[in-house]
Amino acid sequence: MKMHLTSAAAGFLLLAGIGAAAAQDVVIAPEQETVIKEYVHKQPLASVKVPGVELNIGSTLPDTVELHEVPNVKYRYVVVDNRTVIVDPSTRKIVKVLD
């Protein structure tokens, strides 16, 4: 009986972890992504360096990095190490890296 409870508890924790990871994923609608890409192409920015921050989804950019608005879109953008990064302005977390 003890073995069944332990297995059940481990399974529950695994599923809870998967749910938490999925909740952090941000999906940008294809239409929004198109709007962002077109705007970024028309409004190029100089690339900045952000030492100590990896350009991965979920990484947080420091307050010293200026985020730039895309009209009618919730997200902001910045160019870091010559890569355009889409950021959630409320958390400053990277939601997408455009190549």
N, C-alpha and C. Protein backbone atom coordinates (compact mmCIF):
# COMPACT_ATOMS: atom_id res chain seq x y z
N MET A 1 0.83 -1.20 0.00
CA MET A 1 0.00 0.00 0.00
C MET A 1 0.87 1.26 0.00
N LYS A 2 1.96 1.22 0.80
CA LYS A 2 2.84 2.37 0.86
C LYS A 2 3.45 2.68 -0.51
N MET A 3 3.78 1.63 -1.26
CA MET A 3 4.38 1.80 -2.58
C MET A 3 3.41 2.51 -3.53
N HIS A 4 2.13 2.18 -3.46
CA HIS A 4 1.13 2.80 -4.32
C HIS A 4 0.98 4.28 -4.02
N LEU A 5 1.00 4.63 -2.73
CA LEU A 5 0.87 6.04 -2.36
C LEU A 5 2.09 6.83 -2.82
N THR A 6 3.26 6.26 -2.68
CA THR A 6 4.47 6.94 -3.11
C THR A 6 4.45 7.15 -4.62
N SER A 7 4.07 6.14 -5.37
CA SER A 7 4.00 6.26 -6.83
C SER A 7 2.95 7.30 -7.23
N ALA A 8 1.82 7.27 -6.55
CA ALA A 8 0.76 8.23 -6.86
C ALA A 8 1.23 9.65 -6.56
N ALA A 9 1.92 9.84 -5.44
CA ALA A 9 2.41 11.17 -5.08
C ALA A 9 3.44 11.65 -6.09
N ALA A 10 4.34 10.75 -6.51
CA ALA A 10 5.35 11.13 -7.49
C ALA A 10 4.69 11.50 -8.82
N GLY A 11 3.69 10.74 -9.23
CA GLY A 11 2.97 11.03 -10.47
C GLY A 11 2.28 12.37 -10.41
N PHE A 12 1.66 12.67 -9.28
CA PHE A 12 0.97 13.94 -9.11
C PHE A 12 1.95 15.11 -9.21
N LEU A 13 3.11 14.97 -8.55
CA LEU A 13 4.11 16.04 -8.58
C LEU A 13 4.65 16.24 -10.00
N LEU A 14 4.83 15.15 -10.73
CA LEU A 14 5.28 15.25 -12.11
C LEU A 14 4.27 16.00 -12.95
N LEU A 15 3.00 15.65 -12.82
CA LEU A 15 1.95 16.33 -13.58
C LEU A 15 1.82 17.79 -13.18
N ALA A 16 1.96 18.07 -11.90
CA ALA A 16 1.88 19.46 -11.43
C ALA A 16 3.02 20.28 -12.03
N GLY A 17 4.23 19.68 -12.10
CA GLY A 17 5.37 20.37 -12.69
C GLY A 17 5.16 20.65 -14.16
N ILE A 18 4.59 19.68 -14.88
CA ILE A 18 4.31 19.88 -16.30
C ILE A 18 3.30 20.99 -16.49
N GLY A 19 2.27 21.03 -15.65
CA GLY A 19 1.26 22.08 -15.74
C GLY A 19 1.84 23.45 -15.48
N ALA A 20 2.73 23.53 -14.51
CA ALA A 20 3.35 24.82 -14.20
C ALA A 20 4.23 25.28 -15.35
N ALA A 21 4.97 24.35 -15.96
CA ALA A 21 5.82 24.72 -17.09
C ALA A 21 4.98 25.18 -18.27
N ALA A 22 3.87 24.50 -18.53
CA ALA A 22 3.00 24.87 -19.64
C ALA A 22 2.37 26.24 -19.41
N ALA A 23 2.08 26.56 -18.16
CA ALA A 23 1.45 27.84 -17.85
C ALA A 23 2.41 29.00 -18.13
N GLN A 24 3.72 28.75 -18.11
CA GLN A 24 4.69 29.80 -18.35
C GLN A 24 4.89 30.07 -19.84
N ASP A 25 4.50 29.12 -20.69
CA ASP A 25 4.66 29.30 -22.13
C ASP A 25 3.74 30.41 -22.61
N VAL A 26 4.27 31.27 -23.43
CA VAL A 26 3.48 32.36 -24.01
C VAL A 26 3.36 32.08 -25.50
N VAL A 27 2.14 32.07 -25.98
CA VAL A 27 1.92 31.84 -27.40
C VAL A 27 1.50 33.16 -28.03
N ILE A 28 2.31 33.62 -28.97
CA ILE A 28 1.98 34.84 -29.70
C ILE A 28 1.23 34.41 -30.94
N ALA A 29 0.05 34.95 -31.13
CA ALA A 29 -0.77 34.61 -32.30
C ALA A 29 0.02 34.94 -33.57
N PRO A 30 -0.13 34.12 -34.60
CA PRO A 30 0.61 34.38 -35.85
C PRO A 30 0.39 35.79 -36.41
N GLU A 31 -0.83 36.30 -36.27
CA GLU A 31 -1.11 37.66 -36.76
C GLU A 31 -0.30 38.69 -36.00
N GLN A 32 -0.22 38.49 -34.66
CA GLN A 32 0.54 39.43 -33.83
C GLN A 32 2.03 39.34 -34.17
N GLU A 33 2.50 38.12 -34.39
CA GLU A 33 3.92 37.95 -34.71
C GLU A 33 4.25 38.65 -36.03
N THR A 34 3.34 38.57 -36.99
CA THR A 34 3.53 39.24 -38.28
C THR A 34 3.60 40.75 -38.07
N VAL A 35 2.69 41.28 -37.27
CA VAL A 35 2.68 42.72 -36.98
C VAL A 35 3.99 43.13 -36.33
N ILE A 36 4.45 42.34 -35.38
CA ILE A 36 5.70 42.65 -34.67
C ILE A 36 6.87 42.63 -35.64
N LYS A 37 6.97 41.58 -36.45
CA LYS A 37 8.09 41.47 -37.39
C LYS A 37 8.11 42.63 -38.38
N GLU A 38 6.95 43.01 -38.91
CA GLU A 38 6.88 44.12 -39.86
C GLU A 38 7.28 45.43 -39.20
N TYR A 39 6.80 45.65 -37.98
CA TYR A 39 7.13 46.88 -37.27
C TYR A 39 8.63 46.96 -36.97
N VAL A 40 9.18 45.85 -36.48
CA VAL A 40 10.60 45.80 -36.14
C VAL A 40 11.45 46.05 -37.39
N HIS A 41 11.01 45.53 -38.52
CA HIS A 41 11.74 45.73 -39.77
C HIS A 41 11.74 47.21 -40.18
N LYS A 42 10.61 47.88 -39.94
CA LYS A 42 10.48 49.30 -40.30
C LYS A 42 11.12 50.23 -39.28
N GLN A 43 11.27 49.76 -38.04
CA GLN A 43 11.80 50.59 -36.95
C GLN A 43 13.04 49.93 -36.35
N PRO A 44 14.12 49.82 -37.12
CA PRO A 44 15.31 49.13 -36.60
C PRO A 44 15.92 49.86 -35.40
N LEU A 45 16.45 49.08 -34.49
CA LEU A 45 17.10 49.63 -33.31
C LEU A 45 18.57 49.23 -33.31
N ALA A 46 19.36 50.03 -32.64
CA ALA A 46 20.76 49.65 -32.42
C ALA A 46 20.79 48.49 -31.43
N SER A 47 21.69 47.57 -31.66
CA SER A 47 21.84 46.43 -30.77
C SER A 47 22.50 46.86 -29.46
N VAL A 48 22.05 46.28 -28.36
CA VAL A 48 22.64 46.55 -27.05
C VAL A 48 23.25 45.27 -26.49
N LYS A 49 24.14 45.42 -25.56
CA LYS A 49 24.75 44.28 -24.86
C LYS A 49 24.11 44.19 -23.48
N VAL A 50 23.83 42.97 -23.07
CA VAL A 50 23.28 42.74 -21.73
C VAL A 50 24.12 41.63 -21.10
N PRO A 51 25.22 41.99 -20.44
CA PRO A 51 26.10 40.98 -19.85
C PRO A 51 25.37 40.13 -18.81
N GLY A 52 25.64 38.85 -18.86
CA GLY A 52 25.10 37.94 -17.86
C GLY A 52 23.69 37.45 -18.12
N VAL A 53 23.08 37.85 -19.22
CA VAL A 53 21.72 37.41 -19.53
C VAL A 53 21.76 36.59 -20.81
N GLU A 54 21.26 35.35 -20.72
CA GLU A 54 21.16 34.50 -21.90
C GLU A 54 19.86 34.82 -22.62
N LEU A 55 19.90 34.82 -23.93
CA LEU A 55 18.71 35.15 -24.71
C LEU A 55 17.87 33.90 -24.90
N ASN A 56 17.23 33.49 -23.83
CA ASN A 56 16.34 32.33 -23.84
C ASN A 56 14.95 32.76 -23.43
N ILE A 57 13.96 32.05 -23.92
CA ILE A 57 12.59 32.30 -23.48
C ILE A 57 12.53 32.09 -21.97
N GLY A 58 11.95 33.07 -21.28
CA GLY A 58 11.84 33.00 -19.83
C GLY A 58 12.92 33.78 -19.09
N SER A 59 14.01 34.13 -19.78
CA SER A 59 15.05 34.95 -19.14
C SER A 59 14.49 36.34 -18.90
N THR A 60 14.94 36.96 -17.83
CA THR A 60 14.46 38.30 -17.47
C THR A 60 15.51 39.35 -17.83
N LEU A 61 15.06 40.40 -18.49
CA LEU A 61 15.95 41.51 -18.82
C LEU A 61 15.95 42.52 -17.68
N PRO A 62 17.10 43.08 -17.35
CA PRO A 62 17.15 44.06 -16.25
C PRO A 62 16.44 45.36 -16.62
N ASP A 63 16.11 46.13 -15.59
CA ASP A 63 15.42 47.41 -15.79
C ASP A 63 16.24 48.41 -16.60
N THR A 64 17.54 48.19 -16.69
CA THR A 64 18.40 49.11 -17.42
C THR A 64 18.23 48.99 -18.94
N VAL A 65 17.57 47.91 -19.40
CA VAL A 65 17.36 47.71 -20.83
C VAL A 65 16.05 48.39 -21.22
N GLU A 66 16.15 49.32 -22.17
CA GLU A 66 14.95 50.04 -22.63
C GLU A 66 14.15 49.16 -23.59
N LEU A 67 12.88 48.97 -23.26
CA LEU A 67 11.98 48.18 -24.11
C LEU A 67 11.21 49.16 -25.01
N HIS A 68 10.99 48.76 -26.26
CA HIS A 68 10.34 49.64 -27.23
C HIS A 68 8.97 49.09 -27.60
N GLU A 69 8.04 50.01 -27.70
CA GLU A 69 6.63 49.65 -27.95
C GLU A 69 6.39 49.29 -29.40
N VAL A 70 5.49 48.34 -29.59
CA VAL A 70 4.93 48.02 -30.90
C VAL A 70 3.46 48.44 -30.81
N PRO A 71 3.01 49.37 -31.64
CA PRO A 71 1.62 49.84 -31.53
C PRO A 71 0.60 48.70 -31.60
N ASN A 72 -0.36 48.77 -30.72
CA ASN A 72 -1.48 47.82 -30.66
C ASN A 72 -1.07 46.39 -30.32
N VAL A 73 0.09 46.23 -29.72
CA VAL A 73 0.55 44.91 -29.31
C VAL A 73 0.96 45.00 -27.84
N LYS A 74 0.64 43.99 -27.08
CA LYS A 74 0.94 43.94 -25.65
C LYS A 74 2.44 43.91 -25.37
N TYR A 75 3.21 43.29 -26.25
CA TYR A 75 4.62 43.04 -26.00
C TYR A 75 5.49 44.21 -26.46
N ARG A 76 6.72 44.23 -25.97
CA ARG A 76 7.72 45.22 -26.35
C ARG A 76 8.88 44.49 -27.00
N TYR A 77 9.79 45.24 -27.61
CA TYR A 77 10.94 44.60 -28.22
C TYR A 77 12.21 45.39 -27.96
N VAL A 78 13.33 44.69 -28.13
CA VAL A 78 14.65 45.28 -28.01
C VAL A 78 15.59 44.39 -28.83
N VAL A 79 16.66 44.97 -29.31
CA VAL A 79 17.65 44.18 -30.05
C VAL A 79 18.85 43.99 -29.13
N VAL A 80 19.14 42.73 -28.83
CA VAL A 80 20.25 42.37 -27.95
C VAL A 80 21.18 41.44 -28.74
N ASP A 81 22.45 41.79 -28.78
CA ASP A 81 23.44 40.99 -29.52
C ASP A 81 22.96 40.69 -30.95
N ASN A 82 22.40 41.71 -31.58
CA ASN A 82 21.91 41.63 -32.97
C ASN A 82 20.76 40.64 -33.16
N ARG A 83 20.04 40.33 -32.09
CA ARG A 83 18.87 39.47 -32.18
C ARG A 83 17.68 40.23 -31.59
N THR A 84 16.56 40.22 -32.31
CA THR A 84 15.37 40.91 -31.82
C THR A 84 14.68 40.03 -30.79
N VAL A 85 14.41 40.63 -29.64
CA VAL A 85 13.84 39.92 -28.52
C VAL A 85 12.48 40.53 -28.19
N ILE A 86 11.45 39.69 -28.09
CA ILE A 86 10.11 40.14 -27.71
C ILE A 86 9.96 39.88 -26.22
N VAL A 87 9.48 40.90 -25.50
CA VAL A 87 9.47 40.87 -24.04
C VAL A 87 8.09 41.23 -23.51
N ASP A 88 7.67 40.53 -22.45
CA ASP A 88 6.44 40.89 -21.74
C ASP A 88 6.82 42.06 -20.82
N PRO A 89 6.27 43.25 -21.04
CA PRO A 89 6.71 44.41 -20.25
C PRO A 89 6.34 44.32 -18.77
N SER A 90 5.34 43.55 -18.42
CA SER A 90 4.94 43.46 -17.01
C SER A 90 5.91 42.62 -16.20
N THR A 91 6.58 41.66 -16.83
CA THR A 91 7.52 40.80 -16.11
C THR A 91 8.95 40.97 -16.59
N ARG A 92 9.12 41.62 -17.76
CA ARG A 92 10.41 41.80 -18.42
C ARG A 92 11.02 40.46 -18.84
N LYS A 93 10.20 39.44 -18.94
CA LYS A 93 10.66 38.12 -19.38
C LYS A 93 10.60 38.03 -20.90
N ILE A 94 11.61 37.37 -21.47
CA ILE A 94 11.65 37.15 -22.92
C ILE A 94 10.59 36.11 -23.27
N VAL A 95 9.73 36.45 -24.24
CA VAL A 95 8.69 35.51 -24.68
C VAL A 95 9.01 34.92 -26.06
N LYS A 96 9.90 35.60 -26.81
CA LYS A 96 10.25 35.09 -28.14
C LYS A 96 11.53 35.76 -28.58
N VAL A 97 12.38 34.99 -29.26
CA VAL A 97 13.58 35.53 -29.87
C VAL A 97 13.41 35.35 -31.37
N LEU A 98 13.40 36.47 -32.10
CA LEU A 98 13.24 36.43 -33.55
C LEU A 98 14.60 36.32 -34.21
N ASP A 99 14.70 35.45 -35.19
CA ASP A 99 15.97 35.32 -35.92
C ASP A 99 15.83 35.78 -37.34
